[in-house]
């Protein structure tokens, strides 16, 4: 793991495509661009789609690189209003969308079968390699997405959480751990402490009963205790925990407003006992896949930089804090805030 990186400009940039990769980037505009600009974007997508739909594997990969690069460049240069209009009026209706939706990962995010973005089944596409199950275009698009920096960040996050579980068990033989919005709790499958029952309890807290059923299936008699509940229940005091040695939330904060995230951080901190640690993760500002995620997956996250992560401590009593650590993952995509209680 890297040492703390405090620059807000550390997020990886997309690979610059070659000149023949059909990336057309428009100059920055403060106002809604004229229709001619969207015509240019339409022509860019038309040409790229025509190449990709006929291409072999290497053409598909070059096309995906060009697509990612062109989308993130536009997102960074256009106003949020113009970018949302592009996503809703052009990208969503373009033939590129059904072509890309041959990829099960891309399609799952857009269709939201469990009713919300970023569900546990979607994240499993990043943990597991299911490319062999797909036909040509879907297979190669999925392989490309599975190898992207954000996907590697998700897998690295799982390894970090498993390691911190093991560290907690080594520090406290009676250690108690809480995972908030746990999904399928895949990090527990990599933890030796969970496998060897060296934790007193691992509380798997999530609002999705389907996710909790998967956890119960995988951990029927171990230290894992599934608990069904929502963030709203936590904030209202209807669900509460205490004497925790390690509490964490890996993917939830990407969907929370600053005010809710700050309240939740303070609440989880108060559930720790002395020397307990709280870890929250958030994707950094505009990772390179952001444009693709929003335009063709309808997957919108709340991105934060280091200052934004520090701001999550605004309601936490700093007199009770013994240490605060900010660090990024090896991809510069995910920022972690770790807070230790006195």
Protein backbone atom coordinates (compact mmCIF):
# COMPACT_ATOMS: atom_id res chain seq x y z
CA UNK A 1 0.00 0.00 0.00
CA UNK A 2 1.23 3.44 -0.85
CA UNK A 3 2.04 6.09 1.68
CA UNK A 4 -0.56 8.86 2.04
CA UNK A 5 -0.97 10.91 -1.11
CA UNK A 6 -2.50 14.31 -0.44
CA UNK A 7 -2.66 15.73 -3.95
CA UNK A 8 -6.12 16.08 -5.39
CA UNK A 9 -4.75 15.51 -8.87
CA UNK A 10 -3.52 11.95 -8.45
CA UNK A 11 -6.28 10.11 -10.31
CA UNK A 12 -5.04 8.12 -13.28
CA UNK A 13 -5.75 9.63 -16.68
CA UNK A 14 -7.03 7.61 -19.64
CA UNK A 15 -4.51 6.31 -22.11
CA UNK A 16 -4.23 8.83 -24.92
CA UNK A 17 -5.58 7.18 -28.07
CA UNK A 18 -3.78 7.43 -31.35
CA UNK A 19 -4.93 10.01 -33.87
CA UNK A 20 -6.85 7.46 -35.91
CA UNK A 21 -8.93 6.35 -32.93
CA UNK A 22 -11.66 8.87 -33.74
CA UNK A 23 -11.62 10.81 -30.48
CA UNK A 24 -13.07 14.24 -31.17
CA UNK A 25 -12.68 16.57 -28.19
CA UNK A 26 -14.48 19.89 -28.17
CA UNK A 27 -13.01 23.02 -26.57
CA UNK A 28 -14.34 24.04 -23.15
CA UNK A 29 -17.61 25.97 -23.11
CA UNK A 30 -19.26 27.77 -20.25
CA UNK A 31 -22.76 27.66 -21.72
CA UNK A 32 -24.80 24.87 -23.28
CA UNK A 33 -23.01 24.17 -26.57
CA UNK A 34 -24.84 24.71 -29.86
CA UNK A 35 -26.49 21.77 -31.51
CA UNK A 36 -23.53 21.54 -33.88
CA UNK A 37 -21.39 20.27 -31.01
CA UNK A 38 -23.78 17.38 -30.37
CA UNK A 39 -23.80 16.69 -34.10
CA UNK A 40 -20.02 16.31 -33.89
CA UNK A 41 -20.42 13.96 -30.91
CA UNK A 42 -23.01 11.96 -32.84
CA UNK A 43 -20.65 11.62 -35.80
CA UNK A 44 -17.84 10.54 -33.48
CA UNK A 45 -20.00 7.82 -31.92
CA UNK A 46 -21.31 6.76 -35.34
CA UNK A 47 -17.81 6.27 -36.75
CA UNK A 48 -16.51 4.52 -33.65
CA UNK A 49 -19.51 2.22 -33.50
CA UNK A 50 -19.11 1.29 -37.17
CA UNK A 51 -15.51 0.27 -36.56
CA UNK A 52 -16.16 -1.64 -33.36
CA UNK A 53 -19.17 -3.60 -34.58
CA UNK A 54 -17.14 -5.06 -37.46
CA UNK A 55 -13.83 -5.40 -35.67
CA UNK A 56 -11.81 -8.31 -34.31
CA UNK A 57 -10.59 -8.37 -30.72
CA UNK A 58 -7.81 -5.82 -31.10
CA UNK A 59 -10.14 -3.37 -32.90
CA UNK A 60 -12.64 -3.69 -30.07
CA UNK A 61 -9.96 -2.95 -27.49
CA UNK A 62 -8.68 0.06 -29.42
CA UNK A 63 -12.26 1.22 -29.80
CA UNK A 64 -12.95 0.92 -26.08
CA UNK A 65 -9.81 2.96 -25.33
CA UNK A 66 -10.95 5.63 -27.78
CA UNK A 67 -14.46 5.60 -26.34
CA UNK A 68 -13.26 5.93 -22.74
CA UNK A 69 -10.85 8.70 -23.65
CA UNK A 70 -13.39 10.70 -25.63
CA UNK A 71 -16.10 10.37 -22.99
CA UNK A 72 -13.98 11.41 -20.00
CA UNK A 73 -12.53 14.34 -21.97
CA UNK A 74 -16.00 15.62 -22.73
CA UNK A 75 -17.18 15.09 -19.18
CA UNK A 76 -14.28 17.14 -17.85
CA UNK A 77 -14.74 19.95 -20.36
CA UNK A 78 -18.52 20.30 -20.52
CA UNK A 79 -20.71 21.65 -17.75
CA UNK A 80 -22.60 19.03 -15.70
CA UNK A 81 -25.85 20.07 -17.38
CA UNK A 82 -24.45 19.60 -20.88
CA UNK A 83 -22.88 16.27 -19.95
CA UNK A 84 -26.16 14.94 -18.52
CA UNK A 85 -27.97 16.06 -21.64
CA UNK A 86 -25.43 14.20 -23.78
CA UNK A 87 -25.88 11.03 -21.71
CA UNK A 88 -29.67 11.12 -21.77
CA UNK A 89 -30.38 12.41 -25.27
CA UNK A 90 -27.51 11.04 -27.32
CA UNK A 91 -25.58 8.21 -25.69
CA UNK A 92 -28.62 6.41 -24.29
CA UNK A 93 -30.38 6.40 -27.68
CA UNK A 94 -27.33 5.64 -29.81
CA UNK A 95 -26.78 2.18 -31.39
CA UNK A 96 -23.53 2.08 -29.41
CA UNK A 97 -25.52 1.41 -26.24
CA UNK A 98 -27.09 -1.95 -27.22
CA UNK A 99 -23.77 -2.96 -28.74
CA UNK A 100 -21.95 -2.25 -25.45
CA UNK A 101 -24.74 -3.92 -23.48
CA UNK A 102 -23.66 -7.26 -24.86
CA UNK A 103 -21.19 -6.97 -21.98
CA UNK A 104 -23.00 -8.39 -18.93
CA UNK A 105 -21.27 -5.98 -16.54
CA UNK A 106 -22.30 -2.90 -18.53
CA UNK A 107 -25.84 -4.21 -19.06
CA UNK A 108 -26.37 -5.17 -15.42
CA UNK A 109 -25.54 -1.67 -14.19
CA UNK A 110 -27.94 -0.08 -16.66
CA UNK A 111 -30.83 -2.46 -16.01
CA UNK A 112 -30.50 -2.43 -12.18
CA UNK A 113 -32.24 -5.77 -11.56
CA UNK A 114 -32.14 -5.22 -7.79
CA UNK A 115 -33.49 -1.70 -8.14
CA UNK A 116 -30.35 0.30 -7.44
CA UNK A 117 -26.95 1.00 -8.94
CA UNK A 118 -23.80 -0.78 -7.80
CA UNK A 119 -25.48 -3.84 -6.32
CA UNK A 120 -23.49 -6.77 -5.01
CA UNK A 121 -24.06 -8.85 -8.14
CA UNK A 122 -22.55 -6.05 -10.23
CA UNK A 123 -19.43 -5.88 -8.06
CA UNK A 124 -19.05 -9.64 -8.41
CA UNK A 125 -18.42 -9.07 -12.13
CA UNK A 126 -15.29 -7.18 -11.07
CA UNK A 127 -14.19 -9.77 -8.51
CA UNK A 128 -14.72 -12.75 -10.80
CA UNK A 129 -13.77 -13.25 -14.44
CA UNK A 130 -16.84 -14.45 -16.32
CA UNK A 131 -15.60 -13.64 -19.82
CA UNK A 132 -15.66 -17.27 -20.95
CA UNK A 133 -19.46 -17.28 -20.61
CA UNK A 134 -19.95 -14.54 -23.23
CA UNK A 135 -19.97 -14.31 -27.02
CA UNK A 136 -17.40 -12.33 -29.01
CA UNK A 137 -18.33 -8.65 -28.54
CA UNK A 138 -19.71 -9.05 -25.03
CA UNK A 139 -16.69 -11.11 -24.02
CA UNK A 140 -14.14 -8.60 -25.27
CA UNK A 141 -15.94 -5.53 -23.88
CA UNK A 142 -16.24 -7.28 -20.52
CA UNK A 143 -12.56 -8.24 -20.57
CA UNK A 144 -11.67 -4.63 -21.24
CA UNK A 145 -13.81 -3.36 -18.35
CA UNK A 146 -12.51 -6.07 -16.02
CA UNK A 147 -8.95 -4.85 -16.61
CA UNK A 148 -9.60 -1.15 -16.10
CA UNK A 149 -8.03 0.80 -13.19
CA UNK A 150 -11.32 1.15 -11.31
CA UNK A 151 -11.90 -2.61 -11.51
CA UNK A 152 -8.41 -3.24 -10.17
CA UNK A 153 -9.16 -0.76 -7.38
CA UNK A 154 -12.25 -2.72 -6.36
CA UNK A 155 -10.24 -5.94 -6.15
CA UNK A 156 -7.47 -4.20 -4.24
CA UNK A 157 -10.07 -2.82 -1.83
CA UNK A 158 -11.28 -6.33 -1.08
CA UNK A 159 -7.71 -7.43 -0.28
CA UNK A 160 -7.17 -4.44 2.00
CA UNK A 161 -10.35 -5.13 3.97
CA UNK A 162 -9.46 -8.80 4.42
CA UNK A 163 -6.02 -7.80 5.64
CA UNK A 164 -7.48 -5.31 8.13
CA UNK A 165 -9.83 -7.99 9.46
CA UNK A 166 -6.85 -10.23 10.08
CA UNK A 167 -4.95 -7.37 11.74
CA UNK A 168 -7.94 -6.74 14.00
CA UNK A 169 -8.04 -10.38 15.06
CA UNK A 170 -4.31 -10.31 15.78
CA UNK A 171 -4.74 -7.20 17.91
CA UNK A 172 -7.90 -8.33 19.74
CA UNK A 173 -8.72 -12.03 20.16
CA UNK A 174 -12.28 -10.95 20.97
CA UNK A 175 -12.41 -8.54 18.04
CA UNK A 176 -15.74 -7.29 16.73
CA UNK A 177 -16.06 -6.02 13.17
CA UNK A 178 -18.89 -4.21 11.37
CA UNK A 179 -19.27 -3.94 7.60
CA UNK A 180 -21.84 -1.31 6.56
CA UNK A 181 -23.52 -1.87 3.18
CA UNK A 182 -21.59 -5.12 3.00
CA UNK A 183 -22.92 -6.47 -0.30
CA UNK A 184 -21.82 -10.09 -0.63
CA UNK A 185 -19.00 -9.53 1.89
CA UNK A 186 -16.47 -11.11 -0.49
CA UNK A 187 -13.55 -9.81 1.59
CA UNK A 188 -14.54 -12.23 4.36
CA UNK A 189 -13.82 -15.10 1.96
CA UNK A 190 -10.19 -13.94 1.82
CA UNK A 191 -9.76 -13.42 5.57
CA UNK A 192 -7.88 -16.08 7.51
CA UNK A 193 -9.31 -14.68 10.74
CA UNK A 194 -12.85 -15.36 9.51
CA UNK A 195 -11.99 -18.82 8.22
CA UNK A 196 -10.25 -19.73 11.48
CA UNK A 197 -12.92 -18.05 13.64
CA UNK A 198 -10.43 -15.75 15.30
CA UNK A 199 -12.93 -12.91 15.46
CA UNK A 200 -15.70 -12.82 18.00
CA UNK A 201 -18.14 -11.42 15.47
CA UNK A 202 -18.31 -9.97 11.97
CA UNK A 203 -21.57 -8.08 11.53
CA UNK A 204 -22.69 -7.93 7.89
CA UNK A 205 -25.11 -5.01 7.68
CA UNK A 206 -27.01 -4.40 4.43
CA UNK A 207 -30.47 -3.37 3.23
CA UNK A 208 -30.59 -6.04 0.49
CA UNK A 209 -31.99 -9.36 1.75
CA UNK A 210 -30.73 -11.11 -1.40
CA UNK A 211 -27.17 -10.12 -0.53
CA UNK A 212 -27.62 -11.27 3.05
CA UNK A 213 -29.00 -14.61 1.86
CA UNK A 214 -25.80 -15.13 -0.15
CA UNK A 215 -23.72 -14.32 2.94
CA UNK A 216 -25.72 -16.77 5.05
CA UNK A 217 -25.17 -19.45 2.42
CA UNK A 218 -21.40 -18.91 2.39
CA UNK A 219 -20.98 -18.48 6.17
CA UNK A 220 -23.61 -20.71 7.79
CA UNK A 221 -21.85 -21.51 11.05
CA UNK A 222 -19.01 -19.02 11.37
CA UNK A 223 -18.45 -15.69 13.03
CA UNK A 224 -20.45 -13.77 10.41
CA UNK A 225 -23.81 -12.36 11.55
CA UNK A 226 -26.02 -10.91 8.77
CA UNK A 227 -28.20 -7.99 9.83
CA UNK A 228 -30.76 -6.40 7.52
CA UNK A 229 -31.00 -2.63 7.79
CA UNK A 230 -30.55 0.68 6.02
CA UNK A 231 -28.46 3.79 6.48
CA UNK A 232 -31.64 5.57 7.47
CA UNK A 233 -32.13 3.05 10.28
CA UNK A 234 -28.58 3.69 11.49
CA UNK A 235 -29.03 7.45 11.44
CA UNK A 236 -32.37 7.15 13.25
CA UNK A 237 -30.87 4.96 15.97
CA UNK A 238 -33.09 2.02 15.03
CA UNK A 239 -29.99 -0.07 14.32
CA UNK A 240 -27.00 0.37 16.57
CA UNK A 241 -23.82 -1.49 17.47
CA UNK A 242 -21.17 -0.99 20.13
CA UNK A 243 -17.70 -2.02 21.30
CA UNK A 244 -16.41 -2.41 17.75
CA UNK A 245 -12.74 -2.85 17.00
CA UNK A 246 -13.03 -2.29 13.28
CA UNK A 247 -15.90 -0.69 11.38
CA UNK A 248 -15.80 -0.01 7.67
CA UNK A 249 -17.85 0.92 4.65
CA UNK A 250 -16.30 0.07 1.29
CA UNK A 251 -18.77 1.28 -1.35
CA UNK A 252 -21.57 3.14 0.39
CA UNK A 253 -20.00 6.60 0.61
CA UNK A 254 -19.86 6.84 -3.19
CA UNK A 255 -23.64 7.38 -3.05
CA UNK A 256 -23.99 9.66 0.00
CA UNK A 257 -24.27 13.43 0.22
CA UNK A 258 -21.71 15.26 2.34
CA UNK A 259 -24.19 15.89 5.16
CA UNK A 260 -25.35 12.26 5.40
CA UNK A 261 -21.80 10.94 5.05
CA UNK A 262 -20.57 13.22 7.85
CA UNK A 263 -23.39 12.16 10.17
CA UNK A 264 -22.78 8.49 9.44
CA UNK A 265 -19.03 8.86 10.01
CA UNK A 266 -19.62 10.40 13.44
CA UNK A 267 -22.15 7.70 14.31
CA UNK A 268 -19.87 4.83 13.32
CA UNK A 269 -16.96 6.40 15.16
CA UNK A 270 -19.01 6.44 18.37
CA UNK A 271 -19.60 2.69 18.00
CA UNK A 272 -15.87 2.00 18.33
CA UNK A 273 -14.22 1.10 21.58
CA UNK A 274 -10.83 2.47 22.57
CA UNK A 275 -8.21 1.92 19.83
CA UNK A 276 -10.92 0.84 17.41
CA UNK A 277 -10.55 1.89 13.78
CA UNK A 278 -13.04 3.21 11.27
CA UNK A 279 -12.26 2.97 7.54
CA UNK A 280 -14.34 4.52 4.76
CA UNK A 281 -13.55 4.41 1.06
CA UNK A 282 -14.59 6.75 -1.74
CA UNK A 283 -13.70 6.95 -5.40
CA UNK A 284 -11.57 9.98 -6.24
CA UNK A 285 -12.60 12.79 -8.54
CA UNK A 286 -13.23 11.57 -12.11
CA UNK A 287 -11.45 8.22 -12.50
CA UNK A 288 -10.91 7.40 -16.17
CA UNK A 289 -13.98 5.15 -16.44
CA UNK A 290 -16.38 7.82 -15.13
CA UNK A 291 -17.57 8.95 -18.57
CA UNK A 292 -18.33 5.40 -19.71
CA UNK A 293 -20.07 4.55 -16.44
CA UNK A 294 -22.40 7.51 -16.64
CA UNK A 295 -23.06 7.54 -20.40
CA UNK A 296 -23.60 3.82 -21.03
CA UNK A 297 -24.13 2.23 -17.61
CA UNK A 298 -26.25 4.98 -16.00
CA UNK A 299 -24.01 4.56 -12.96
CA UNK A 300 -23.43 7.86 -11.15
CA UNK A 301 -21.23 8.13 -8.09
CA UNK A 302 -20.34 10.92 -5.66
CA UNK A 303 -16.62 11.54 -6.08
CA UNK A 304 -14.44 13.12 -3.38
CA UNK A 305 -10.88 14.36 -3.12
CA UNK A 306 -8.76 14.49 0.05
CA UNK A 307 -10.35 17.71 1.25
CA UNK A 308 -13.76 16.17 0.78
CA UNK A 309 -12.74 13.14 2.82
CA UNK A 310 -11.40 15.32 5.63
CA UNK A 311 -14.71 17.14 5.62
CA UNK A 312 -16.47 13.90 6.59
CA UNK A 313 -15.04 14.41 10.09
CA UNK A 314 -16.98 17.65 10.60
CA UNK A 315 -19.36 16.04 13.12
CA UNK A 316 -16.84 13.69 14.74
CA UNK A 317 -15.51 14.82 18.17
CA UNK A 318 -11.82 15.29 17.37
CA UNK A 319 -10.90 15.20 21.07
CA UNK A 320 -11.75 11.48 20.95
CA UNK A 321 -9.61 10.86 17.87
CA UNK A 322 -6.06 9.56 18.32
CA UNK A 323 -5.09 9.31 14.64
CA UNK A 324 -6.36 10.23 11.17
CA UNK A 325 -4.85 8.78 8.02
CA UNK A 326 -5.65 9.52 4.38
CA UNK A 327 -4.23 7.39 1.59
CA UNK A 328 -4.97 6.31 -1.97
CA UNK A 329 -4.81 2.88 -3.51
CA UNK A 330 -2.14 1.84 -6.00
CA UNK A 331 -4.33 3.00 -8.91
CA UNK A 332 -4.87 6.49 -7.40
CA UNK A 333 -8.60 5.82 -7.81
CA UNK A 334 -9.88 5.19 -4.27
CA UNK A 335 -9.25 7.44 -1.28
CA UNK A 336 -9.37 5.89 2.19
CA UNK A 337 -10.07 7.72 5.42
CA UNK A 338 -8.94 5.83 8.51
CA UNK A 339 -9.83 7.18 11.96
CA UNK A 340 -8.65 5.64 15.24
CA UNK A 341 -10.41 6.29 18.52
CA UNK A 342 -8.49 7.12 21.69
